Structures are given as C-alpha cells and as structure tokens.
Amino acid sequence: MIIGKPLFSVEQIQTRVTELGNSISSDYEGKEVLAIGILKGAFMFYSDLVRAIGQRLTTDFIIASSYKDTESTGKVNVLYDVTEKIGSLIYALQNGFGWMKLQLQAIFQK
C-alpha cells in the first residue's frame, strides 16, 4: 500500500540505479568488489544495483537488527554475518544508513 505521493518516479529510480552501477563499474574496473546487502530492507535496491554493475563481483548479505519491538536498543545484533572473505572493496547497501558505518567497523575488527 502506498500512502501519499511518491518522491521519485520508477523511471527516475531506474535511471539513477543505472548511473550508480556505471559509476561503480568505471571507478573499480579490474578490482575485486564485494557487494554486501543488508537484509531485509535493501534487497530490492541491492538486486537492481548489482545487476547494473557491469563487472564481476562477489555478493553477500548481513541480517542485523537494532530494534526490539518498535524501539531501538542502540546495539546492533548481527543475526547472519558475511561469509565471504573480507579484503575486497566493499559496498554495503541497506535501506537506512544509520548504523552501516558501525557495522562495517565491527566486521573489520574481527
């Protein structure tokens, strides 16, 4: 169910995703790229973007939560962690960017 007026049209979103994919492909041509999708919120955007990247890449996922009921606990609980080797260039994609930096720091500290 959609409530209110959409901020962007489907065409605008598709165009921007294609631009992002082209930019990533160009910027990291020939480099090993690991794309990490933060589930569940990012899966649609993530799948569109990795298809728009015109080079080989490895994909993986994280499932994490910082909420109990409707309140944030302030602590990220990782329910499913990355299984791919970390060391490549990483793109982590999620539906909100609030805790992504902290999550990536936690991955690198392992």
C-alpha atoms as a PDB file:
ATOM      1  CA  MET A   1       0.000   0.000   0.000  1.00  0.00           C
ATOM      2  CA  ILE A   2       1.336   3.415  -0.964  1.00  0.00           C
ATOM      3  CA  ILE A   3       0.461   6.326   1.306  1.00  0.00           C
ATOM      4  CA  GLY A   4       0.964   9.799  -0.101  1.00  0.00           C
ATOM      5  CA  LYS A   5       2.704  10.876  -3.261  1.00  0.00           C
ATOM      6  CA  PRO A   6       5.928   9.076  -4.290  1.00  0.00           C
ATOM      7  CA  LEU A   7       9.053  11.246  -4.148  1.00  0.00           C
ATOM      8  CA  PHE A   8      10.567   9.740  -7.320  1.00  0.00           C
ATOM      9  CA  SER A   9       9.120   8.022 -10.363  1.00  0.00           C
ATOM     10  CA  VAL A  10      10.048   4.454 -11.282  1.00  0.00           C
ATOM     11  CA  GLU A  11      11.917   5.829 -14.291  1.00  0.00           C
ATOM     12  CA  GLN A  12      13.933   8.258 -12.145  1.00  0.00           C
ATOM     13  CA  ILE A  13      14.941   5.465  -9.773  1.00  0.00           C
ATOM     14  CA  GLN A  14      15.891   3.105 -12.613  1.00  0.00           C
ATOM     15  CA  THR A  15      17.954   5.825 -14.277  1.00  0.00           C
ATOM     16  CA  ARG A  16      19.821   6.609 -11.052  1.00  0.00           C
ATOM     17  CA  VAL A  17      20.491   2.938 -10.293  1.00  0.00           C
ATOM     18  CA  THR A  18      21.939   2.524 -13.798  1.00  0.00           C
ATOM     19  CA  GLU A  19      24.111   5.621 -13.281  1.00  0.00           C
ATOM     20  CA  LEU A  20      25.366   4.262  -9.942  1.00  0.00           C
ATOM     21  CA  GLY A  21      26.125   0.863 -11.498  1.00  0.00           C
ATOM     22  CA  ASN A  22      28.046   2.505 -14.347  1.00  0.00           C
ATOM     23  CA  SER A  23      29.969   4.699 -11.900  1.00  0.00           C
ATOM     24  CA  ILE A  24      30.961   1.735  -9.719  1.00  0.00           C
ATOM     25  CA  SER A  25      31.990  -0.245 -12.807  1.00  0.00           C
ATOM     26  CA  SER A  26      34.122   2.614 -14.072  1.00  0.00           C
ATOM     27  CA  ASP A  27      35.683   3.539 -10.725  1.00  0.00           C
ATOM     28  CA  TYR A  28      36.626  -0.023  -9.788  1.00  0.00           C
ATOM     29  CA  GLU A  29      37.284  -1.638 -13.155  1.00  0.00           C
ATOM     30  CA  GLY A  30      39.539  -4.670 -12.761  1.00  0.00           C
ATOM     31  CA  LYS A  31      39.303  -4.626  -8.961  1.00  0.00           C
ATOM     32  CA  GLU A  32      37.759  -7.252  -6.731  1.00  0.00           C
ATOM     33  CA  VAL A  33      34.442  -5.942  -5.403  1.00  0.00           C
ATOM     34  CA  LEU A  34      32.340  -7.432  -2.620  1.00  0.00           C
ATOM     35  CA  ALA A  35      28.782  -6.109  -2.509  1.00  0.00           C
ATOM     36  CA  ILE A  36      27.063  -6.648   0.836  1.00  0.00           C
ATOM     37  CA  GLY A  37      23.308  -6.291   1.073  1.00  0.00           C
ATOM     38  CA  ILE A  38      21.801  -5.519   4.436  1.00  0.00           C
ATOM     39  CA  LEU A  39      18.637  -7.614   4.690  1.00  0.00           C
ATOM     40  CA  LYS A  40      15.789  -7.321   4.630  1.00  0.00           C
ATOM     41  CA  GLY A  41      15.249  -3.689   3.738  1.00  0.00           C
ATOM     42  CA  ALA A  42      17.739  -3.344   0.905  1.00  0.00           C
ATOM     43  CA  PHE A  43      17.122  -6.466  -1.131  1.00  0.00           C
ATOM     44  CA  MET A  44      15.183  -4.822  -3.996  1.00  0.00           C
ATOM     45  CA  PHE A  45      17.615  -1.920  -4.429  1.00  0.00           C
ATOM     46  CA  TYR A  46      20.590  -4.237  -3.882  1.00  0.00           C
ATOM     47  CA  SER A  47      19.492  -6.679  -6.578  1.00  0.00           C
ATOM     48  CA  ASP A  48      18.858  -3.864  -9.068  1.00  0.00           C
ATOM     49  CA  LEU A  49      22.223  -2.256  -8.361  1.00  0.00           C
ATOM     50  CA  VAL A  50      24.359  -5.405  -8.557  1.00  0.00           C
ATOM     51  CA  ARG A  51      22.721  -6.214 -11.907  1.00  0.00           C
ATOM     52  CA  ALA A  52      23.615  -2.689 -13.097  1.00  0.00           C
ATOM     53  CA  ILE A  53      27.294  -3.104 -12.205  1.00  0.00           C
ATOM     54  CA  GLY A  54      28.994  -4.177 -15.412  1.00  0.00           C
ATOM     55  CA  GLN A  55      31.818  -6.216 -13.940  1.00  0.00           C
ATOM     56  CA  ARG A  56      32.300  -9.384 -11.955  1.00  0.00           C
ATOM     57  CA  LEU A  57      31.660  -9.048  -8.278  1.00  0.00           C
ATOM     58  CA  THR A  58      31.001 -11.191  -5.266  1.00  0.00           C
ATOM     59  CA  THR A  59      27.802 -10.770  -3.315  1.00  0.00           C
ATOM     60  CA  ASP A  60      26.961 -11.490   0.299  1.00  0.00           C
ATOM     61  CA  PHE A  61      24.432 -10.477   2.919  1.00  0.00           C
ATOM     62  CA  ILE A  62      24.088  -9.436   6.530  1.00  0.00           C
ATOM     63  CA  ILE A  63      20.929  -9.693   8.588  1.00  0.00           C
ATOM     64  CA  ALA A  64      21.002  -7.363  11.556  1.00  0.00           C
ATOM     65  CA  SER A  65      18.663  -5.575  13.879  1.00  0.00           C
ATOM     66  CA  SER A  66      18.900  -2.821  16.432  1.00  0.00           C
ATOM     67  CA  TYR A  67      15.211  -2.815  17.360  1.00  0.00           C
ATOM     68  CA  LYS A  68      13.163  -4.603  19.971  1.00  0.00           C
ATOM     69  CA  ASP A  69       9.505  -4.195  19.119  1.00  0.00           C
ATOM     70  CA  THR A  70       9.393  -0.582  17.868  1.00  0.00           C
ATOM     71  CA  GLU A  71      12.237   0.861  19.951  1.00  0.00           C
ATOM     72  CA  SER A  72      15.928   0.995  19.044  1.00  0.00           C
ATOM     73  CA  THR A  73      18.168  -0.716  21.578  1.00  0.00           C
ATOM     74  CA  GLY A  74      21.201   1.272  20.436  1.00  0.00           C
ATOM     75  CA  LYS A  75      23.044  -2.015  19.866  1.00  0.00           C
ATOM     76  CA  VAL A  76      23.282  -3.864  16.570  1.00  0.00           C
ATOM     77  CA  ASN A  77      22.607  -7.595  16.794  1.00  0.00           C
ATOM     78  CA  VAL A  78      24.003  -9.488  13.807  1.00  0.00           C
ATOM     79  CA  LEU A  79      21.694 -12.388  13.057  1.00  0.00           C
ATOM     80  CA  TYR A  80      23.529 -13.534   9.914  1.00  0.00           C
ATOM     81  CA  ASP A  81      27.045 -12.365   9.116  1.00  0.00           C
ATOM     82  CA  VAL A  82      29.155 -12.094   5.999  1.00  0.00           C
ATOM     83  CA  THR A  83      30.590 -15.418   4.837  1.00  0.00           C
ATOM     84  CA  GLU A  84      32.778 -14.102   2.011  1.00  0.00           C
ATOM     85  CA  LYS A  85      36.413 -13.198   2.556  1.00  0.00           C
ATOM     86  CA  ILE A  86      36.737  -9.571   3.600  1.00  0.00           C
ATOM     87  CA  GLY A  87      39.603  -7.763   1.961  1.00  0.00           C
ATOM     88  CA  SER A  88      37.967  -6.695  -1.238  1.00  0.00           C
ATOM     89  CA  LEU A  89      36.427  -3.335  -1.882  1.00  0.00           C
ATOM     90  CA  ILE A  90      33.104  -3.358  -0.084  1.00  0.00           C
ATOM     91  CA  TYR A  91      29.814  -1.772  -0.970  1.00  0.00           C
ATOM     92  CA  ALA A  92      27.299  -2.263   1.821  1.00  0.00           C
ATOM     93  CA  LEU A  93      23.749  -1.453   0.845  1.00  0.00           C
ATOM     94  CA  GLN A  94      20.798  -1.037   3.152  1.00  0.00           C
ATOM     95  CA  ASN A  95      17.569   0.853   3.362  1.00  0.00           C
ATOM     96  CA  GLY A  96      18.850   3.257   6.041  1.00  0.00           C
ATOM     97  CA  PHE A  97      22.461   4.267   6.522  1.00  0.00           C
ATOM     98  CA  GLY A  98      22.335   4.982  10.268  1.00  0.00           C
ATOM     99  CA  TRP A  99      24.351   2.053  11.544  1.00  0.00           C
ATOM    100  CA  MET A 100      26.187   0.884   8.410  1.00  0.00           C
ATOM    101  CA  LYS A 101      29.491   2.548   9.342  1.00  0.00           C
ATOM    102  CA  LEU A 102      29.449   0.908  12.769  1.00  0.00           C
ATOM    103  CA  GLN A 103      28.615  -2.465  11.239  1.00  0.00           C
ATOM    104  CA  LEU A 104      31.487  -2.268   8.757  1.00  0.00           C
ATOM    105  CA  GLN A 105      33.888  -1.267  11.522  1.00  0.00           C
ATOM    106  CA  ALA A 106      32.760  -4.312  13.507  1.00  0.00           C
ATOM    107  CA  ILE A 107      33.391  -6.592  10.516  1.00  0.00           C
ATOM    108  CA  PHE A 108      36.932  -5.288  10.045  1.00  0.00           C
ATOM    109  CA  GLN A 109      37.734  -5.668  13.738  1.00  0.00           C
ATOM    110  CA  LYS A 110      37.059  -9.433  13.627  1.00  0.00           C
END
